[in-house]
């Protein structure tokens, strides 16, 4: 079952891999999915859209909530979206 764990701060390659191996053993992880690049790209796109909208003449002030989005939150959404799409494709084939 997918579950959130702590966010690991980058140390160095060896230490990062050691900590990942430890998490894999502790939680019986079968697969690791990394989508940070896509999450960063989506976050930049969304934040850029908010900035452009705020600069439009006569535009209402945008809510400040968009500033609270993080790469981790977007990555989690991307992972969930891709998982659900994969499940849907598998169901259609069955």
PDB file of N, CA and C in Angstrom:
ATOM      1  N   UNK A   1       0.844  -1.175   0.000  1.00  0.00           N
ATOM      2  CA  UNK A   1       0.000   0.000   0.000  1.00  0.00           C
ATOM      3  C   UNK A   1       0.890   1.239   0.000  1.00  0.00           C
ATOM      4  N   UNK A   2       0.538   2.219  -0.786  1.00  0.00           N
ATOM      5  CA  UNK A   2       1.299   3.463  -0.827  1.00  0.00           C
ATOM      6  C   UNK A   2       1.075   4.225   0.467  1.00  0.00           C
ATOM      7  N   UNK A   3       2.157   4.774   0.989  1.00  0.00           N
ATOM      8  CA  UNK A   3       2.043   5.555   2.219  1.00  0.00           C
ATOM      9  C   UNK A   3       3.116   6.634   2.222  1.00  0.00           C
ATOM     10  N   UNK A   4       2.793   7.782   2.786  1.00  0.00           N
ATOM     11  CA  UNK A   4       3.796   8.848   2.846  1.00  0.00           C
ATOM     12  C   UNK A   4       4.820   8.538   3.936  1.00  0.00           C
ATOM     13  N   UNK A   5       6.057   8.865   3.654  1.00  0.00           N
ATOM     14  CA  UNK A   5       7.136   8.750   4.627  1.00  0.00           C
ATOM     15  C   UNK A   5       7.789  10.117   4.749  1.00  0.00           C
ATOM     16  N   UNK A   6       8.824  10.201   5.535  1.00  0.00           N
ATOM     17  CA  UNK A   6       9.529  11.468   5.677  1.00  0.00           C
ATOM     18  C   UNK A   6      10.176  11.880   4.362  1.00  0.00           C
ATOM     19  N   UNK A   7      10.382  13.174   4.219  1.00  0.00           N
ATOM     20  CA  UNK A   7      11.151  13.692   3.101  1.00  0.00           C
ATOM     21  C   UNK A   7      12.613  13.650   3.509  1.00  0.00           C
ATOM     22  N   UNK A   8      13.431  13.045   2.667  1.00  0.00           N
ATOM     23  CA  UNK A   8      14.859  12.948   2.964  1.00  0.00           C
ATOM     24  C   UNK A   8      15.600  14.135   2.369  1.00  0.00           C
ATOM     25  N   UNK A   9      16.375  14.786   3.178  1.00  0.00           N
ATOM     26  CA  UNK A   9      17.212  15.875   2.687  1.00  0.00           C
ATOM     27  C   UNK A   9      18.467  15.272   2.070  1.00  0.00           C
ATOM     28  N   UNK A  10      18.887  15.809   0.962  1.00  0.00           N
ATOM     29  CA  UNK A  10      20.058  15.308   0.247  1.00  0.00           C
ATOM     30  C   UNK A  10      21.313  15.495   1.092  1.00  0.00           C
ATOM     31  N   UNK A  11      22.126  14.436   1.221  1.00  0.00           N
ATOM     32  CA  UNK A  11      23.406  14.507   1.931  1.00  0.00           C
ATOM     33  C   UNK A  11      24.513  14.291   0.912  1.00  0.00           C
ATOM     34  N   UNK A  12      24.657  13.054   0.462  1.00  0.00           N
ATOM     35  CA  UNK A  12      25.549  12.703  -0.639  1.00  0.00           C
ATOM     36  C   UNK A  12      25.056  11.372  -1.186  1.00  0.00           C
ATOM     37  N   UNK A  13      25.567  10.957  -2.310  1.00  0.00           N
ATOM     38  CA  UNK A  13      25.035   9.762  -2.977  1.00  0.00           C
ATOM     39  C   UNK A  13      25.083   8.524  -2.076  1.00  0.00           C
ATOM     40  N   UNK A  14      26.206   8.256  -1.436  1.00  0.00           N
ATOM     41  CA  UNK A  14      26.331   7.051  -0.608  1.00  0.00           C
ATOM     42  C   UNK A  14      25.367   7.076   0.574  1.00  0.00           C
ATOM     43  N   UNK A  15      25.303   8.193   1.268  1.00  0.00           N
ATOM     44  CA  UNK A  15      24.411   8.302   2.425  1.00  0.00           C
ATOM     45  C   UNK A  15      22.949   8.246   1.989  1.00  0.00           C
ATOM     46  N   UNK A  16      22.633   8.909   0.888  1.00  0.00           N
ATOM     47  CA  UNK A  16      21.258   8.887   0.383  1.00  0.00           C
ATOM     48  C   UNK A  16      20.827   7.457   0.045  1.00  0.00           C
ATOM     49  N   UNK A  17      21.694   6.713  -0.622  1.00  0.00           N
ATOM     50  CA  UNK A  17      21.372   5.332  -0.989  1.00  0.00           C
ATOM     51  C   UNK A  17      21.262   4.447   0.253  1.00  0.00           C
ATOM     52  N   UNK A  18      22.106   4.672   1.250  1.00  0.00           N
ATOM     53  CA  UNK A  18      22.039   3.903   2.487  1.00  0.00           C
ATOM     54  C   UNK A  18      20.691   4.108   3.166  1.00  0.00           C
ATOM     55  N   UNK A  19      20.258   5.368   3.243  1.00  0.00           N
ATOM     56  CA  UNK A  19      18.982   5.665   3.885  1.00  0.00           C
ATOM     57  C   UNK A  19      17.813   5.076   3.096  1.00  0.00           C
ATOM     58  N   UNK A  20      17.888   5.118   1.765  1.00  0.00           N
ATOM     59  CA  UNK A  20      16.833   4.516   0.944  1.00  0.00           C
ATOM     60  C   UNK A  20      16.767   3.004   1.159  1.00  0.00           C
ATOM     61  N   UNK A  21      17.941   2.343   1.173  1.00  0.00           N
ATOM     62  CA  UNK A  21      17.967   0.900   1.420  1.00  0.00           C
ATOM     63  C   UNK A  21      17.354   0.567   2.783  1.00  0.00           C
ATOM     64  N   UNK A  22      17.652   1.389   3.772  1.00  0.00           N
ATOM     65  CA  UNK A  22      17.100   1.187   5.120  1.00  0.00           C
ATOM     66  C   UNK A  22      15.574   1.292   5.101  1.00  0.00           C
ATOM     67  N   UNK A  23      15.047   2.313   4.420  1.00  0.00           N
ATOM     68  CA  UNK A  23      13.592   2.469   4.312  1.00  0.00           C
ATOM     69  C   UNK A  23      12.958   1.293   3.574  1.00  0.00           C
ATOM     70  N   UNK A  24      13.618   0.839   2.516  1.00  0.00           N
ATOM     71  CA  UNK A  24      13.109  -0.291   1.737  1.00  0.00           C
ATOM     72  C   UNK A  24      13.002  -1.528   2.617  1.00  0.00           C
ATOM     73  N   UNK A  25      14.031  -1.789   3.407  1.00  0.00           N
ATOM     74  CA  UNK A  25      14.001  -2.957   4.310  1.00  0.00           C
ATOM     75  C   UNK A  25      12.929  -2.796   5.387  1.00  0.00           C
ATOM     76  N   UNK A  26      12.870  -1.632   6.011  1.00  0.00           N
ATOM     77  CA  UNK A  26      11.912  -1.395   7.103  1.00  0.00           C
ATOM     78  C   UNK A  26      10.461  -1.553   6.661  1.00  0.00           C
ATOM     79  N   UNK A  27      10.160  -1.108   5.443  1.00  0.00           N
ATOM     80  CA  UNK A  27       8.771  -1.040   4.997  1.00  0.00           C
ATOM     81  C   UNK A  27       8.411  -2.073   3.929  1.00  0.00           C
ATOM     82  N   UNK A  28       9.355  -2.950   3.584  1.00  0.00           N
ATOM     83  CA  UNK A  28       9.068  -3.966   2.573  1.00  0.00           C
ATOM     84  C   UNK A  28       8.700  -3.362   1.228  1.00  0.00           C
ATOM     85  N   UNK A  29       9.392  -2.321   0.851  1.00  0.00           N
ATOM     86  CA  UNK A  29       9.100  -1.602  -0.393  1.00  0.00           C
ATOM     87  C   UNK A  29       9.362  -2.500  -1.592  1.00  0.00           C
ATOM     88  N   UNK A  30       8.410  -2.518  -2.511  1.00  0.00           N
ATOM     89  CA  UNK A  30       8.542  -3.303  -3.737  1.00  0.00           C
ATOM     90  C   UNK A  30       8.989  -2.444  -4.919  1.00  0.00           C
ATOM     91  N   UNK A  31       8.660  -1.161  -4.862  1.00  0.00           N
ATOM     92  CA  UNK A  31       8.975  -0.286  -5.984  1.00  0.00           C
ATOM     93  C   UNK A  31       9.117   1.145  -5.496  1.00  0.00           C
ATOM     94  N   UNK A  32      10.097   1.848  -6.057  1.00  0.00           N
ATOM     95  CA  UNK A  32      10.295   3.265  -5.755  1.00  0.00           C
ATOM     96  C   UNK A  32      10.016   4.036  -7.034  1.00  0.00           C
ATOM     97  N   UNK A  33       9.195   5.077  -6.924  1.00  0.00           N
ATOM     98  CA  UNK A  33       8.853   5.908  -8.073  1.00  0.00           C
ATOM     99  C   UNK A  33       9.382   7.307  -7.810  1.00  0.00           C
ATOM    100  N   UNK A  34      10.118   7.843  -8.782  1.00  0.00           N
ATOM    101  CA  UNK A  34      10.677   9.187  -8.648  1.00  0.00           C
ATOM    102  C   UNK A  34      10.098  10.038  -9.764  1.00  0.00           C
ATOM    103  N   UNK A  35       9.391  11.109  -9.413  1.00  0.00           N
ATOM    104  CA  UNK A  35       8.800  12.023 -10.411  1.00  0.00           C
ATOM    105  C   UNK A  35       9.118  13.464 -10.088  1.00  0.00           C
ATOM    106  N   UNK A  36      10.200  13.724  -9.366  1.00  0.00           N
ATOM    107  CA  UNK A  36      10.508  15.099  -8.955  1.00  0.00           C
ATOM    108  C   UNK A  36      10.653  16.045 -10.136  1.00  0.00           C
ATOM    109  N   UNK A  37      11.289  15.598 -11.217  1.00  0.00           N
ATOM    110  CA  UNK A  37      11.496  16.473 -12.368  1.00  0.00           C
ATOM    111  C   UNK A  37      10.152  16.926 -12.918  1.00  0.00           C
ATOM    112  N   UNK A  38       9.237  15.989 -13.120  1.00  0.00           N
ATOM    113  CA  UNK A  38       7.920  16.343 -13.638  1.00  0.00           C
ATOM    114  C   UNK A  38       7.173  17.241 -12.656  1.00  0.00           C
ATOM    115  N   UNK A  39       7.306  16.951 -11.372  1.00  0.00           N
ATOM    116  CA  UNK A  39       6.644  17.765 -10.359  1.00  0.00           C
ATOM    117  C   UNK A  39       7.174  19.195 -10.380  1.00  0.00           C
ATOM    118  N   UNK A  40       8.475  19.349 -10.483  1.00  0.00           N
ATOM    119  CA  UNK A  40       9.060  20.696 -10.543  1.00  0.00           C
ATOM    120  C   UNK A  40       8.563  21.443 -11.773  1.00  0.00           C
ATOM    121  N   UNK A  41       8.494  20.746 -12.907  1.00  0.00           N
ATOM    122  CA  UNK A  41       8.026  21.370 -14.147  1.00  0.00           C
ATOM    123  C   UNK A  41       6.568  21.816 -14.009  1.00  0.00           C
ATOM    124  N   UNK A  42       5.724  20.938 -13.454  1.00  0.00           N
ATOM    125  CA  UNK A  42       4.312  21.286 -13.273  1.00  0.00           C
ATOM    126  C   UNK A  42       4.147  22.436 -12.295  1.00  0.00           C
ATOM    127  N   UNK A  43       4.904  22.421 -11.230  1.00  0.00           N
ATOM    128  CA  UNK A  43       4.822  23.481 -10.222  1.00  0.00           C
ATOM    129  C   UNK A  43       5.218  24.826 -10.827  1.00  0.00           C
ATOM    130  N   UNK A  44       6.297  24.838 -11.604  1.00  0.00           N
ATOM    131  CA  UNK A  44       6.717  26.078 -12.270  1.00  0.00           C
ATOM    132  C   UNK A  44       5.644  26.576 -13.224  1.00  0.00           C
ATOM    133  N   UNK A  45       5.022  25.647 -13.950  1.00  0.00           N
ATOM    134  CA  UNK A  45       3.958  26.013 -14.897  1.00  0.00           C
ATOM    135  C   UNK A  45       2.766  26.621 -14.166  1.00  0.00           C
ATOM    136  N   UNK A  46       2.326  25.991 -13.091  1.00  0.00           N
ATOM    137  CA  UNK A  46       1.173  26.479 -12.330  1.00  0.00           C
ATOM    138  C   UNK A  46       1.486  27.820 -11.679  1.00  0.00           C
ATOM    139  N   UNK A  47       2.626  27.938 -11.048  1.00  0.00           N
ATOM    140  CA  UNK A  47       2.977  29.192 -10.395  1.00  0.00           C
ATOM    141  C   UNK A  47       3.142  30.308 -11.419  1.00  0.00           C
ATOM    142  N   UNK A  48       3.692  29.990 -12.577  1.00  0.00           N
ATOM    143  CA  UNK A  48       3.811  30.987 -13.642  1.00  0.00           C
ATOM    144  C   UNK A  48       2.456  31.468 -14.101  1.00  0.00           C
ATOM    145  N   UNK A  49       1.480  30.560 -14.159  1.00  0.00           N
ATOM    146  CA  UNK A  49       0.122  30.913 -14.561  1.00  0.00           C
ATOM    147  C   UNK A  49      -0.498  31.864 -13.546  1.00  0.00           C
ATOM    148  N   UNK A  50      -0.296  31.586 -12.236  1.00  0.00           N
ATOM    149  CA  UNK A  50      -0.827  32.470 -11.197  1.00  0.00           C
ATOM    150  C   UNK A  50      -0.195  33.854 -11.304  1.00  0.00           C
ATOM    151  N   UNK A  51       1.103  33.905 -11.536  1.00  0.00           N
ATOM    152  CA  UNK A  51       1.803  35.192 -11.623  1.00  0.00           C
ATOM    153  C   UNK A  51       1.275  35.986 -12.817  1.00  0.00           C
ATOM    154  N   UNK A  52       1.102  35.318 -13.971  1.00  0.00           N
ATOM    155  CA  UNK A  52       0.579  36.017 -15.161  1.00  0.00           C
ATOM    156  C   UNK A  52      -0.834  36.536 -14.908  1.00  0.00           C
ATOM    157  N   UNK A  53      -1.673  35.733 -14.241  1.00  0.00           N
ATOM    158  CA  UNK A  53      -3.053  36.146 -13.962  1.00  0.00           C
ATOM    159  C   UNK A  53      -3.085  37.339 -13.017  1.00  0.00           C
ATOM    160  N   UNK A  54      -2.204  37.358 -12.025  1.00  0.00           N
ATOM    161  CA  UNK A  54      -2.173  38.465 -11.067  1.00  0.00           C
ATOM    162  C   UNK A  54      -1.752  39.774 -11.732  1.00  0.00           C
ATOM    163  N   UNK A  55      -0.975  39.692 -12.802  1.00  0.00           N
ATOM    164  CA  UNK A  55      -0.476  40.898 -13.466  1.00  0.00           C
ATOM    165  C   UNK A  55      -1.467  41.469 -14.482  1.00  0.00           C
ATOM    166  N   UNK A  56      -2.510  40.687 -14.828  1.00  0.00           N
ATOM    167  CA  UNK A  56      -3.511  41.167 -15.779  1.00  0.00           C
ATOM    168  C   UNK A  56      -4.209  42.392 -15.234  1.00  0.00           C
ATOM    169  N   UNK A  57      -4.454  43.412 -16.080  1.00  0.00           N
ATOM    170  CA  UNK A  57      -5.189  44.585 -15.622  1.00  0.00           C
ATOM    171  C   UNK A  57      -6.589  44.189 -15.161  1.00  0.00           C
ATOM    172  N   UNK A  58      -6.991  44.686 -14.003  1.00  0.00           N
ATOM    173  CA  UNK A  58      -8.321  44.410 -13.474  1.00  0.00           C
ATOM    174  C   UNK A  58      -8.474  43.038 -12.849  1.00  0.00           C
ATOM    175  N   UNK A  59      -7.380  42.270 -12.771  1.00  0.00           N
ATOM    176  CA  UNK A  59      -7.466  40.923 -12.190  1.00  0.00           C
ATOM    177  C   UNK A  59      -7.664  41.008 -10.684  1.00  0.00           C
ATOM    178  N   UNK A  60      -8.478  40.099 -10.182  1.00  0.00           N
ATOM    179  CA  UNK A  60      -8.674  40.036  -8.737  1.00  0.00           C
ATOM    180  C   UNK A  60      -7.398  39.488  -8.098  1.00  0.00           C
ATOM    181  N   UNK A  61      -7.197  39.847  -6.844  1.00  0.00           N
ATOM    182  CA  UNK A  61      -6.057  39.304  -6.118  1.00  0.00           C
ATOM    183  C   UNK A  61      -6.236  37.793  -5.973  1.00  0.00           C
ATOM    184  N   UNK A  62      -5.222  37.045  -6.368  1.00  0.00           N
ATOM    185  CA  UNK A  62      -5.280  35.587  -6.250  1.00  0.00           C
ATOM    186  C   UNK A  62      -5.095  35.176  -4.801  1.00  0.00           C
ATOM    187  N   UNK A  63      -5.700  34.049  -4.463  1.00  0.00           N
ATOM    188  CA  UNK A  63      -5.498  33.530  -3.111  1.00  0.00           C
ATOM    189  C   UNK A  63      -4.035  33.167  -2.926  1.00  0.00           C
ATOM    190  N   UNK A  64      -3.585  33.235  -1.726  1.00  0.00           N
ATOM    191  CA  UNK A  64      -2.183  32.940  -1.423  1.00  0.00           C
ATOM    192  C   UNK A  64      -1.903  31.444  -1.330  1.00  0.00           C
ATOM    193  N   UNK A  65      -2.932  30.607  -1.441  1.00  0.00           N
ATOM    194  CA  UNK A  65      -2.750  29.166  -1.287  1.00  0.00           C
ATOM    195  C   UNK A  65      -1.744  28.587  -2.269  1.00  0.00           C
ATOM    196  N   UNK A  66      -1.676  29.135  -3.482  1.00  0.00           N
ATOM    197  CA  UNK A  66      -0.783  28.543  -4.467  1.00  0.00           C
ATOM    198  C   UNK A  66       0.673  28.624  -4.025  1.00  0.00           C
ATOM    199  N   UNK A  67       1.020  29.535  -3.170  1.00  0.00           N
ATOM    200  CA  UNK A  67       2.384  29.655  -2.686  1.00  0.00           C
ATOM    201  C   UNK A  67       2.774  28.535  -1.736  1.00  0.00           C
ATOM    202  N   UNK A  68       1.786  27.812  -1.232  1.00  0.00           N
ATOM    203  CA  UNK A  68       2.053  26.738  -0.282  1.00  0.00           C
ATOM    204  C   UNK A  68       2.351  25.413  -0.976  1.00  0.00           C
ATOM    205  N   UNK A  69       2.142  25.335  -2.276  1.00  0.00           N
ATOM    206  CA  UNK A  69       2.424  24.090  -2.982  1.00  0.00           C
ATOM    207  C   UNK A  69       3.919  23.820  -2.949  1.00  0.00           C
ATOM    208  N   UNK A  70       4.275  22.564  -2.789  1.00  0.00           N
ATOM    209  CA  UNK A  70       5.684  22.189  -2.785  1.00  0.00           C
ATOM    210  C   UNK A  70       5.916  21.120  -3.834  1.00  0.00           C
ATOM    211  N   UNK A  71       7.164  20.925  -4.181  1.00  0.00           N
ATOM    212  CA  UNK A  71       7.507  19.879  -5.135  1.00  0.00           C
ATOM    213  C   UNK A  71       7.062  18.523  -4.602  1.00  0.00           C
ATOM    214  N   UNK A  72       7.222  18.291  -3.309  1.00  0.00           N
ATOM    215  CA  UNK A  72       6.809  17.013  -2.727  1.00  0.00           C
ATOM    216  C   UNK A  72       5.311  16.790  -2.887  1.00  0.00           C
ATOM    217  N   UNK A  73       4.522  17.825  -2.653  1.00  0.00           N
ATOM    218  CA  UNK A  73       3.065  17.700  -2.778  1.00  0.00           C
ATOM    219  C   UNK A  73       2.670  17.435  -4.226  1.00  0.00           C
ATOM    220  N   UNK A  74       3.308  18.138  -5.146  1.00  0.00           N
ATOM    221  CA  UNK A  74       3.002  17.941  -6.561  1.00  0.00           C
ATOM    222  C   UNK A  74       3.461  16.550  -6.999  1.00  0.00           C
ATOM    223  N   UNK A  75       4.627  16.120  -6.524  1.00  0.00           N
ATOM    224  CA  UNK A  75       5.117  14.782  -6.861  1.00  0.00           C
ATOM    225  C   UNK A  75       4.136  13.720  -6.381  1.00  0.00           C
ATOM    226  N   UNK A  76       3.607  13.885  -5.186  1.00  0.00           N
ATOM    227  CA  UNK A  76       2.630  12.929  -4.662  1.00  0.00           C
ATOM    228  C   UNK A  76       1.396  12.884  -5.555  1.00  0.00           C
ATOM    229  N   UNK A  77       0.947  14.038  -6.015  1.00  0.00           N
ATOM    230  CA  UNK A  77      -0.218  14.091  -6.903  1.00  0.00           C
ATOM    231  C   UNK A  77       0.087  13.419  -8.239  1.00  0.00           C
ATOM    232  N   UNK A  78       1.280  13.640  -8.768  1.00  0.00           N
ATOM    233  CA  UNK A  78       1.673  13.031 -10.040  1.00  0.00           C
ATOM    234  C   UNK A  78       1.724  11.513  -9.899  1.00  0.00           C
ATOM    235  N   UNK A  79       2.317  11.035  -8.809  1.00  0.00           N
ATOM    236  CA  UNK A  79       2.413   9.592  -8.580  1.00  0.00           C
ATOM    237  C   UNK A  79       1.017   8.980  -8.489  1.00  0.00           C
ATOM    238  N   UNK A  80       0.111   9.612  -7.747  1.00  0.00           N
ATOM    239  CA  UNK A  80      -1.244   9.104  -7.617  1.00  0.00           C
ATOM    240  C   UNK A  80      -1.957   9.094  -8.966  1.00  0.00           C
ATOM    241  N   UNK A  81      -1.833  10.176  -9.714  1.00  0.00           N
ATOM    242  CA  UNK A  81      -2.477  10.268 -11.029  1.00  0.00           C
ATOM    243  C   UNK A  81      -1.985   9.150 -11.949  1.00  0.00           C
ATOM    244  N   UNK A  82      -0.676   8.939 -12.006  1.00  0.00           N
ATOM    245  CA  UNK A  82      -0.117   7.904 -12.872  1.00  0.00           C
ATOM    246  C   UNK A  82      -0.560   6.512 -12.425  1.00  0.00           C
ATOM    247  N   UNK A  83      -0.624   6.285 -11.118  1.00  0.00           N
ATOM    248  CA  UNK A  83      -1.074   4.999 -10.601  1.00  0.00           C
ATOM    249  C   UNK A  83      -2.524   4.738 -11.001  1.00  0.00           C
ATOM    250  N   UNK A  84      -3.384   5.730 -10.807  1.00  0.00           N
ATOM    251  CA  UNK A  84      -4.796   5.562 -11.141  1.00  0.00           C
ATOM    252  C   UNK A  84      -4.994   5.332 -12.640  1.00  0.00           C
ATOM    253  N   UNK A  85      -4.229   6.037 -13.467  1.00  0.00           N
ATOM    254  CA  UNK A  85      -4.318   5.830 -14.911  1.00  0.00           C
ATOM    255  C   UNK A  85      -3.879   4.419 -15.290  1.00  0.00           C
ATOM    256  N   UNK A  86      -2.827   3.918 -14.646  1.00  0.00           N
ATOM    257  CA  UNK A  86      -2.349   2.564 -14.911  1.00  0.00           C
ATOM    258  C   UNK A  86      -3.404   1.537 -14.507  1.00  0.00           C
ATOM    259  N   UNK A  87      -4.049   1.740 -13.358  1.00  0.00           N
ATOM    260  CA  UNK A  87      -5.111   0.841 -12.908  1.00  0.00           C
ATOM    261  C   UNK A  87      -6.280   0.853 -13.888  1.00  0.00           C
ATOM    262  N   UNK A  88      -6.616   2.027 -14.387  1.00  0.00           N
ATOM    263  CA  UNK A  88      -7.721   2.148 -15.348  1.00  0.00           C
ATOM    264  C   UNK A  88      -7.410   1.401 -16.650  1.00  0.00           C
ATOM    265  N   UNK A  89      -6.176   1.545 -17.152  1.00  0.00           N
ATOM    266  CA  UNK A  89      -5.780   0.839 -18.379  1.00  0.00           C
ATOM    267  C   UNK A  89      -5.815  -0.656 -18.164  1.00  0.00           C
ATOM    268  N   UNK A  90      -5.354  -1.129 -17.007  1.00  0.00           N
ATOM    269  CA  UNK A  90      -5.361  -2.566 -16.705  1.00  0.00           C
ATOM    270  C   UNK A  90      -6.802  -3.088 -16.657  1.00  0.00           C
ATOM    271  N   UNK A  91      -7.705  -2.311 -16.082  1.00  0.00           N
ATOM    272  CA  UNK A  91      -9.115  -2.730 -15.976  1.00  0.00           C
ATOM    273  C   UNK A  91      -9.750  -2.806 -17.366  1.00  0.00           C
ATOM    274  N   UNK A  92      -9.379  -1.875 -18.245  1.00  0.00           N
ATOM    275  CA  UNK A  92      -9.945  -1.885 -19.601  1.00  0.00           C
ATOM    276  C   UNK A  92      -9.480  -3.105 -20.394  1.00  0.00           C
ATOM    277  N   UNK A  93      -8.258  -3.567 -20.158  1.00  0.00           N
ATOM    278  CA  UNK A  93      -7.723  -4.734 -20.860  1.00  0.00           C
ATOM    279  C   UNK A  93      -8.348  -6.023 -20.359  1.00  0.00           C
ATOM    280  N   UNK A  94      -8.821  -6.024 -19.124  1.00  0.00           N
ATOM    281  CA  UNK A  94      -9.367  -7.268 -18.517  1.00  0.00           C
ATOM    282  C   UNK A  94     -10.764  -7.579 -18.991  1.00  0.00           C
TER     283      UNK A  94
END
